[in-house]
N, C-alpha and C. Protein backbone atom coordinates (compact mmCIF):
# COMPACT_ATOMS: atom_id res chain seq x y z
N MET A 1 -102.03 -16.95 65.44
CA MET A 1 -103.17 -16.97 66.68
C MET A 1 -102.85 -16.65 68.29
N GLY A 2 -103.10 -16.89 68.38
CA GLY A 2 -103.10 -16.40 70.25
C GLY A 2 -102.98 -17.43 71.27
N ASN A 3 -104.13 -17.62 71.88
CA ASN A 3 -103.46 -19.07 73.29
C ASN A 3 -104.01 -20.80 71.94
N VAL A 4 -102.61 -20.50 72.10
CA VAL A 4 -102.69 -21.79 70.59
C VAL A 4 -102.83 -23.02 71.95
N THR A 5 -103.33 -23.82 71.84
CA THR A 5 -102.68 -25.62 72.74
C THR A 5 -103.41 -27.12 71.41
N ALA A 6 -102.94 -27.84 72.59
CA ALA A 6 -102.67 -28.82 71.49
C ALA A 6 -104.69 -29.58 71.18
N GLN A 7 -105.37 -29.06 72.13
CA GLN A 7 -106.88 -29.18 71.27
C GLN A 7 -107.19 -27.97 70.09
N TYR A 8 -106.84 -26.26 70.40
CA TYR A 8 -106.95 -25.91 69.14
C TYR A 8 -106.72 -26.38 68.05
N LEU A 9 -105.23 -26.26 67.73
CA LEU A 9 -104.43 -27.60 66.81
C LEU A 9 -105.55 -28.61 66.37
N GLU A 10 -105.71 -29.73 67.23
CA GLU A 10 -106.53 -30.98 66.62
C GLU A 10 -107.42 -30.57 66.29
N LEU A 11 -107.78 -29.68 66.18
CA LEU A 11 -109.29 -28.57 66.22
C LEU A 11 -109.05 -28.70 64.92
N GLY A 12 -108.24 -27.21 64.07
CA GLY A 12 -107.84 -27.25 63.11
C GLY A 12 -107.48 -27.42 62.21
N LEU A 13 -106.53 -28.71 62.41
CA LEU A 13 -106.41 -29.63 61.38
C LEU A 13 -107.32 -30.59 60.95
N GLU A 14 -108.13 -30.84 61.85
CA GLU A 14 -109.99 -31.50 61.36
C GLU A 14 -110.00 -30.36 60.45
N LEU A 15 -110.96 -29.04 60.70
CA LEU A 15 -111.26 -28.36 59.48
C LEU A 15 -110.68 -28.00 58.84
N ASP A 16 -109.28 -28.36 58.39
CA ASP A 16 -108.72 -27.53 57.72
C ASP A 16 -108.10 -26.71 57.43
N ILE A 17 -107.54 -25.51 58.91
CA ILE A 17 -107.89 -24.05 58.96
C ILE A 17 -106.21 -24.18 59.38
N CYS A 18 -106.19 -25.17 60.84
CA CYS A 18 -104.41 -25.13 60.50
C CYS A 18 -103.56 -26.32 60.24
N SER A 19 -102.44 -26.37 59.84
CA SER A 19 -101.47 -27.26 59.24
C SER A 19 -100.85 -27.88 60.17
N VAL A 20 -100.37 -28.87 59.36
CA VAL A 20 -99.25 -29.79 60.40
C VAL A 20 -97.77 -28.32 60.80
N GLU A 21 -97.32 -27.94 59.79
CA GLU A 21 -96.30 -27.62 59.78
C GLU A 21 -96.73 -25.96 61.00
N ASP A 22 -98.07 -25.41 61.58
CA ASP A 22 -97.71 -25.87 62.44
C ASP A 22 -98.39 -26.22 64.37
N VAL A 23 -98.55 -27.23 63.68
CA VAL A 23 -98.44 -27.82 64.81
C VAL A 23 -97.29 -27.71 65.25
N THR A 24 -96.01 -28.30 63.85
CA THR A 24 -94.39 -28.18 64.11
C THR A 24 -94.12 -27.07 64.74
N LYS A 25 -94.30 -25.71 64.14
CA LYS A 25 -94.47 -24.66 65.09
C LYS A 25 -94.11 -24.88 66.89
N TRP A 26 -95.33 -25.60 66.73
CA TRP A 26 -96.18 -25.40 68.41
C TRP A 26 -96.08 -26.16 68.50
N VAL A 27 -95.39 -26.95 68.58
CA VAL A 27 -93.93 -28.64 69.22
C VAL A 27 -93.04 -28.43 69.70
N ASP A 28 -92.50 -27.54 68.97
CA ASP A 28 -90.47 -26.53 68.69
C ASP A 28 -90.98 -26.00 69.94
N ARG A 29 -91.99 -24.72 69.83
CA ARG A 29 -91.79 -23.99 71.01
C ARG A 29 -92.10 -24.90 72.86
N GLN A 30 -93.09 -25.70 72.45
CA GLN A 30 -92.93 -26.20 73.61
C GLN A 30 -92.20 -27.35 73.67
N ALA A 31 -91.46 -27.81 73.85
CA ALA A 31 -90.30 -28.33 73.29
C ALA A 31 -89.45 -27.81 74.60
N LEU A 32 -89.16 -26.97 73.17
CA LEU A 32 -88.52 -25.43 73.89
C LEU A 32 -87.95 -24.36 75.95
N SER A 33 -89.82 -24.94 75.96
CA SER A 33 -90.28 -23.91 76.78
C SER A 33 -90.86 -24.47 77.90
N SER A 34 -90.19 -26.06 78.07
CA SER A 34 -91.00 -27.09 78.90
C SER A 34 -89.46 -28.46 79.09
N SER A 35 -89.33 -28.22 80.59
CA SER A 35 -88.10 -29.93 81.05
C SER A 35 -89.08 -30.87 80.62
N GLU A 36 -90.15 -30.88 80.66
CA GLU A 36 -91.01 -32.64 80.30
C GLU A 36 -92.27 -32.83 79.22
N LEU A 37 -91.66 -33.06 78.25
CA LEU A 37 -92.93 -33.57 77.53
C LEU A 37 -93.49 -34.58 77.69
N ASN A 38 -95.97 -34.66 77.42
CA ASN A 38 -96.02 -35.92 77.92
C ASN A 38 -95.46 -36.93 76.63
N GLY A 39 -95.41 -38.34 77.50
CA GLY A 39 -96.08 -39.15 75.67
C GLY A 39 -95.77 -38.40 73.82
N ALA A 40 -96.80 -37.84 74.33
CA ALA A 40 -97.74 -38.05 72.66
C ALA A 40 -96.75 -36.38 72.13
N LEU A 41 -96.63 -35.52 72.68
CA LEU A 41 -95.63 -34.61 72.55
C LEU A 41 -94.18 -34.96 72.09
N LEU A 42 -93.80 -35.87 73.14
CA LEU A 42 -92.56 -36.10 72.78
C LEU A 42 -92.91 -37.29 71.22
N GLU A 43 -94.04 -37.68 70.94
CA GLU A 43 -93.64 -38.62 69.53
C GLU A 43 -94.33 -37.68 68.75
N LEU A 44 -94.22 -35.90 69.16
CA LEU A 44 -94.71 -34.97 67.69
C LEU A 44 -93.21 -35.08 67.57
N THR A 45 -92.14 -34.44 68.57
CA THR A 45 -91.52 -33.62 68.51
C THR A 45 -90.72 -35.00 67.70
N TYR A 46 -90.33 -36.31 67.21
CA TYR A 46 -89.73 -37.23 66.03
C TYR A 46 -90.67 -37.18 65.23
N LEU A 47 -91.80 -36.86 64.92
CA LEU A 47 -92.91 -36.87 63.87
C LEU A 47 -92.65 -36.05 62.52
N GLU A 48 -91.60 -36.27 61.84
CA GLU A 48 -91.39 -35.36 60.93
C GLU A 48 -92.20 -36.10 59.43
N ASN A 49 -92.63 -34.98 58.78
CA ASN A 49 -93.92 -34.93 56.90
C ASN A 49 -95.16 -35.60 57.76
N GLY A 50 -95.21 -36.11 58.84
CA GLY A 50 -96.70 -36.88 59.37
C GLY A 50 -98.00 -36.49 58.57
N SER A 51 -98.75 -37.38 58.18
CA SER A 51 -99.76 -37.12 57.95
C SER A 51 -101.04 -36.36 59.10
N PRO A 52 -101.83 -35.91 58.48
CA PRO A 52 -102.80 -34.97 58.93
C PRO A 52 -103.45 -35.43 60.05
N LEU A 53 -103.87 -36.81 59.83
CA LEU A 53 -104.36 -37.68 60.84
C LEU A 53 -103.57 -38.80 62.07
N ASP A 54 -102.57 -38.75 61.05
CA ASP A 54 -101.00 -39.27 62.54
C ASP A 54 -101.14 -38.34 63.57
N VAL A 55 -100.97 -36.59 62.86
CA VAL A 55 -100.87 -35.64 63.99
C VAL A 55 -101.59 -36.01 64.51
N ILE A 56 -103.29 -35.93 64.35
CA ILE A 56 -104.72 -35.22 64.69
C ILE A 56 -104.75 -36.61 65.92
N SER A 57 -104.59 -37.69 65.97
CA SER A 57 -104.25 -38.69 66.43
C SER A 57 -103.15 -38.76 67.43
N LEU A 58 -102.24 -37.73 67.17
CA LEU A 58 -101.14 -38.14 68.03
C LEU A 58 -101.61 -36.00 69.17
N LEU A 59 -103.05 -35.76 69.07
CA LEU A 59 -102.75 -35.14 69.55
C LEU A 59 -103.84 -34.71 70.89
N SER A 60 -104.88 -35.77 70.04
CA SER A 60 -105.98 -36.22 70.89
C SER A 60 -105.68 -36.65 72.06
N ARG A 61 -104.25 -37.51 71.90
CA ARG A 61 -104.15 -38.12 72.87
C ARG A 61 -103.22 -36.96 73.91
N ILE A 62 -103.15 -36.04 73.83
CA ILE A 62 -102.40 -34.80 74.50
C ILE A 62 -104.10 -34.32 75.56
N PRO A 63 -103.60 -34.24 76.86
CA PRO A 63 -104.45 -33.68 77.96
C PRO A 63 -105.34 -32.65 77.72
N LYS A 64 -106.73 -32.79 77.29
CA LYS A 64 -107.59 -30.76 76.72
C LYS A 64 -107.65 -30.52 78.47
N GLU A 65 -107.04 -29.25 77.66
CA GLU A 65 -107.56 -28.17 78.90
C GLU A 65 -108.86 -26.98 79.30
N GLU A 66 -109.31 -26.70 78.47
CA GLU A 66 -110.74 -26.65 77.88
C GLU A 66 -111.41 -27.25 76.94
N GLU A 67 -113.09 -26.67 76.71
CA GLU A 67 -114.34 -27.66 77.13
C GLU A 67 -114.31 -26.51 75.18
N TYR A 68 -114.88 -28.18 74.89
CA TYR A 68 -114.43 -28.36 73.02
C TYR A 68 -115.43 -26.60 72.45
N ILE A 69 -116.70 -26.34 72.44
CA ILE A 69 -116.40 -25.37 72.31
C ILE A 69 -116.15 -24.26 72.47
N ALA A 70 -115.43 -23.67 73.61
CA ALA A 70 -114.98 -22.54 73.88
C ALA A 70 -113.37 -22.53 73.08
N VAL A 71 -112.44 -23.40 72.39
CA VAL A 71 -111.39 -23.57 71.29
C VAL A 71 -112.66 -23.63 69.90
N LEU A 72 -113.93 -23.66 69.48
CA LEU A 72 -114.40 -23.77 68.16
C LEU A 72 -114.69 -21.93 68.33
N VAL A 73 -115.01 -22.02 68.87
CA VAL A 73 -114.67 -20.19 69.22
C VAL A 73 -113.59 -19.58 68.90
N ARG A 74 -112.90 -20.17 70.08
CA ARG A 74 -111.59 -18.84 70.06
C ARG A 74 -111.00 -19.71 67.95
N LEU A 75 -110.79 -20.42 67.92
CA LEU A 75 -111.01 -20.68 66.24
C LEU A 75 -111.63 -20.27 65.10
N LEU A 76 -112.87 -20.52 64.50
CA LEU A 76 -113.24 -20.21 63.82
C LEU A 76 -113.09 -18.44 64.53
N GLY A 77 -113.13 -17.61 65.57
CA GLY A 77 -112.24 -16.42 65.34
C GLY A 77 -111.09 -16.12 64.86
N ASP A 78 -110.02 -17.01 65.11
CA ASP A 78 -108.88 -16.91 64.36
C ASP A 78 -108.62 -16.60 63.48
N ILE A 79 -110.27 -17.66 62.48
CA ILE A 79 -110.01 -17.37 60.68
C ILE A 79 -109.56 -16.07 59.85
N PRO A 80 -108.59 -16.15 58.93
CA PRO A 80 -108.29 -14.49 58.96
C PRO A 80 -109.53 -13.95 57.62
N GLU A 81 -110.07 -13.16 57.50
CA GLU A 81 -111.49 -12.91 56.42
C GLU A 81 -111.50 -13.44 55.18
N GLN A 82 -110.07 -12.86 54.43
CA GLN A 82 -110.22 -13.72 53.29
C GLN A 82 -110.68 -15.29 52.80
N LYS A 83 -109.70 -15.81 54.00
CA LYS A 83 -109.38 -17.07 53.68
C LYS A 83 -111.12 -17.40 54.01
N LYS A 84 -111.74 -17.41 55.37
CA LYS A 84 -113.47 -16.61 54.89
C LYS A 84 -113.90 -17.56 54.12
N MET A 85 -113.51 -15.80 53.14
CA MET A 85 -114.00 -15.59 51.60
C MET A 85 -114.30 -16.72 50.68
N THR A 86 -112.65 -17.20 50.85
CA THR A 86 -112.18 -18.08 50.08
C THR A 86 -113.21 -18.97 49.89
N LYS A 87 -112.73 -20.01 51.17
CA LYS A 87 -113.92 -20.71 51.81
C LYS A 87 -115.42 -21.22 51.19
N ALA A 88 -116.09 -19.61 51.59
CA ALA A 88 -116.65 -19.48 52.12
C ALA A 88 -117.50 -19.62 50.05
N SER A 89 -116.74 -18.52 49.32
CA SER A 89 -116.72 -18.72 47.71
C SER A 89 -116.96 -19.92 46.93
N ALA A 90 -115.66 -21.31 47.77
CA ALA A 90 -115.61 -22.40 46.63
C ALA A 90 -116.66 -23.04 47.26
N ARG A 91 -118.14 -22.65 48.38
CA ARG A 91 -118.83 -23.83 48.42
C ARG A 91 -120.65 -23.55 47.35
N ILE A 92 -120.02 -22.44 47.14
CA ILE A 92 -121.02 -22.32 45.58
C ILE A 92 -120.69 -22.77 44.62
């Protein structure tokens, strides 16, 4: 994954492209690189084994950095070809 933001992960979880584990790794990197965490990001650092809906709810509280459509296009471009084929095959 390239330029990952909270909005990217939120949308990725909603579309079942990203996992809670992806969010956990991202939050850990954010915590290590920042001296100050906002409320939702701080809550995410303490959320262990959270449900995707809980994680999405917290991610949605983090300020948005870009337009929704730009995030969606970038997210869809990051899906590995194999996963695209697997999901497409599952619908047939």
